[in-house]
Amino acid sequence: MLPEIIIAIVATGAIGGFVVYAWATAHVRRDWV
């Protein structure tokens, strides 16, 4: 695989993981409040 593809996959995974983490954190806070 090309380095550009690997970087794109890693970046997408990081962004997706951050979105999921942010949503889960907001959801948990909402439940606890």
PDB file of N, CA and C in Angstrom:
ATOM      1  N   MET A   1       0.840  -1.197   0.000  1.00  0.00           N
ATOM      2  CA  MET A   1       0.000   0.000   0.000  1.00  0.00           C
ATOM      3  C   MET A   1       0.875   1.247   0.000  1.00  0.00           C
ATOM      4  N   LEU A   2       0.368   2.286  -0.597  1.00  0.00           N
ATOM      5  CA  LEU A   2       1.129   3.532  -0.651  1.00  0.00           C
ATOM      6  C   LEU A   2       1.057   4.252   0.693  1.00  0.00           C
ATOM      7  N   PRO A   3       2.116   4.945   1.045  1.00  0.00           N
ATOM      8  CA  PRO A   3       2.124   5.689   2.322  1.00  0.00           C
ATOM      9  C   PRO A   3       0.934   6.648   2.409  1.00  0.00           C
ATOM     10  N   GLU A   4       0.557   7.253   1.270  1.00  0.00           N
ATOM     11  CA  GLU A   4      -0.562   8.198   1.296  1.00  0.00           C
ATOM     12  C   GLU A   4      -1.846   7.493   1.714  1.00  0.00           C
ATOM     13  N   ILE A   5      -2.021   6.264   1.207  1.00  0.00           N
ATOM     14  CA  ILE A   5      -3.224   5.505   1.556  1.00  0.00           C
ATOM     15  C   ILE A   5      -3.213   5.155   3.038  1.00  0.00           C
ATOM     16  N   ILE A   6      -2.054   4.729   3.523  1.00  0.00           N
ATOM     17  CA  ILE A   6      -1.947   4.367   4.936  1.00  0.00           C
ATOM     18  C   ILE A   6      -2.254   5.581   5.804  1.00  0.00           C
ATOM     19  N   ILE A   7      -1.691   6.728   5.437  1.00  0.00           N
ATOM     20  CA  ILE A   7      -1.931   7.958   6.215  1.00  0.00           C
ATOM     21  C   ILE A   7      -3.410   8.305   6.194  1.00  0.00           C
ATOM     22  N   ALA A   8      -4.037   8.159   5.023  1.00  0.00           N
ATOM     23  CA  ALA A   8      -5.464   8.485   4.909  1.00  0.00           C
ATOM     24  C   ALA A   8      -6.293   7.566   5.799  1.00  0.00           C
ATOM     25  N   ILE A   9      -5.955   6.283   5.805  1.00  0.00           N
ATOM     26  CA  ILE A   9      -6.694   5.325   6.635  1.00  0.00           C
ATOM     27  C   ILE A   9      -6.500   5.649   8.117  1.00  0.00           C
ATOM     28  N   VAL A  10      -5.273   5.928   8.501  1.00  0.00           N
ATOM     29  CA  VAL A  10      -4.995   6.252   9.909  1.00  0.00           C
ATOM     30  C   VAL A  10      -5.732   7.526  10.310  1.00  0.00           C
ATOM     31  N   ALA A  11      -5.697   8.546   9.436  1.00  0.00           N
ATOM     32  CA  ALA A  11      -6.368   9.813   9.742  1.00  0.00           C
ATOM     33  C   ALA A  11      -7.870   9.591   9.879  1.00  0.00           C
ATOM     34  N   THR A  12      -8.439   8.815   8.957  1.00  0.00           N
ATOM     35  CA  THR A  12      -9.878   8.545   9.008  1.00  0.00           C
ATOM     36  C   THR A  12     -10.230   7.790  10.284  1.00  0.00           C
ATOM     37  N   GLY A  13      -9.414   6.822  10.637  1.00  0.00           N
ATOM     38  CA  GLY A  13      -9.672   6.054  11.853  1.00  0.00           C
ATOM     39  C   GLY A  13      -9.586   6.938  13.089  1.00  0.00           C
ATOM     40  N   ALA A  14      -8.617   7.838  13.111  1.00  0.00           N
ATOM     41  CA  ALA A  14      -8.455   8.726  14.255  1.00  0.00           C
ATOM     42  C   ALA A  14      -9.653   9.664  14.364  1.00  0.00           C
ATOM     43  N   ILE A  15     -10.083  10.201  13.225  1.00  0.00           N
ATOM     44  CA  ILE A  15     -11.228  11.119  13.240  1.00  0.00           C
ATOM     45  C   ILE A  15     -12.488  10.362  13.665  1.00  0.00           C
ATOM     46  N   GLY A  16     -12.682   9.174  13.076  1.00  0.00           N
ATOM     47  CA  GLY A  16     -13.856   8.379  13.427  1.00  0.00           C
ATOM     48  C   GLY A  16     -13.844   8.009  14.906  1.00  0.00           C
ATOM     49  N   GLY A  17     -12.684   7.618  15.408  1.00  0.00           N
ATOM     50  CA  GLY A  17     -12.578   7.248  16.814  1.00  0.00           C
ATOM     51  C   GLY A  17     -12.861   8.442  17.718  1.00  0.00           C
ATOM     52  N   PHE A  18     -12.386   9.621  17.315  1.00  0.00           N
ATOM     53  CA  PHE A  18     -12.624  10.826  18.113  1.00  0.00           C
ATOM     54  C   PHE A  18     -14.112  11.164  18.148  1.00  0.00           C
ATOM     55  N   VAL A  19     -14.771  11.012  16.985  1.00  0.00           N
ATOM     56  CA  VAL A  19     -16.212  11.304  16.911  1.00  0.00           C
ATOM     57  C   VAL A  19     -16.983  10.345  17.815  1.00  0.00           C
ATOM     58  N   VAL A  20     -16.639   9.060  17.730  1.00  0.00           N
ATOM     59  CA  VAL A  20     -17.321   8.063  18.563  1.00  0.00           C
ATOM     60  C   VAL A  20     -17.059   8.343  20.039  1.00  0.00           C
ATOM     61  N   TYR A  21     -15.802   8.692  20.382  1.00  0.00           N
ATOM     62  CA  TYR A  21     -15.455   8.979  21.768  1.00  0.00           C
ATOM     63  C   TYR A  21     -16.218  10.210  22.272  1.00  0.00           C
ATOM     64  N   ALA A  22     -16.278  11.242  21.428  1.00  0.00           N
ATOM     65  CA  ALA A  22     -16.979  12.470  21.828  1.00  0.00           C
ATOM     66  C   ALA A  22     -18.470  12.183  22.027  1.00  0.00           C
ATOM     67  N   TRP A  23     -19.056  11.397  21.096  1.00  0.00           N
ATOM     68  CA  TRP A  23     -20.485  11.075  21.212  1.00  0.00           C
ATOM     69  C   TRP A  23     -20.741  10.247  22.464  1.00  0.00           C
ATOM     70  N   ALA A  24     -19.890   9.257  22.710  1.00  0.00           N
ATOM     71  CA  ALA A  24     -20.069   8.396  23.874  1.00  0.00           C
ATOM     72  C   ALA A  24     -19.919   9.210  25.160  1.00  0.00           C
ATOM     73  N   THR A  25     -18.937  10.104  25.181  1.00  0.00           N
ATOM     74  CA  THR A  25     -18.729  10.936  26.377  1.00  0.00           C
ATOM     75  C   THR A  25     -19.944  11.811  26.635  1.00  0.00           C
ATOM     76  N   ALA A  26     -20.467  12.442  25.585  1.00  0.00           N
ATOM     77  CA  ALA A  26     -21.652  13.294  25.746  1.00  0.00           C
ATOM     78  C   ALA A  26     -22.847  12.457  26.183  1.00  0.00           C
ATOM     79  N   HIS A  27     -22.974  11.253  25.619  1.00  0.00           N
ATOM     80  CA  HIS A  27     -24.094  10.378  25.966  1.00  0.00           C
ATOM     81  C   HIS A  27     -23.994   9.955  27.429  1.00  0.00           C
ATOM     82  N   VAL A  28     -22.805   9.591  27.876  1.00  0.00           N
ATOM     83  CA  VAL A  28     -22.621   9.166  29.266  1.00  0.00           C
ATOM     84  C   VAL A  28     -22.906  10.329  30.206  1.00  0.00           C
ATOM     85  N   ARG A  29     -22.398  11.502  29.879  1.00  0.00           N
ATOM     86  CA  ARG A  29     -22.646  12.664  30.734  1.00  0.00           C
ATOM     87  C   ARG A  29     -24.137  12.945  30.812  1.00  0.00           C
ATOM     88  N   ARG A  30     -24.828  12.799  29.668  1.00  0.00           N
ATOM     89  CA  ARG A  30     -26.268  13.048  29.643  1.00  0.00           C
ATOM     90  C   ARG A  30     -26.980  12.049  30.551  1.00  0.00           C
ATOM     91  N   ASP A  31     -26.539  10.786  30.520  1.00  0.00           N
ATOM     92  CA  ASP A  31     -27.173   9.765  31.347  1.00  0.00           C
ATOM     93  C   ASP A  31     -26.900  10.029  32.833  1.00  0.00           C
ATOM     94  N   TRP A  32     -25.667  10.414  33.141  1.00  0.00           N
ATOM     95  CA  TRP A  32     -25.310  10.629  34.543  1.00  0.00           C
ATOM     96  C   TRP A  32     -25.987  11.873  35.096  1.00  0.00           C
ATOM     97  N   VAL A  33     -26.223  12.853  34.223  1.00  0.00           N
ATOM     98  CA  VAL A  33     -26.895  14.082  34.677  1.00  0.00           C
ATOM     99  C   VAL A  33     -28.398  13.821  34.654  1.00  0.00           C
TER     100      VAL A  33
END
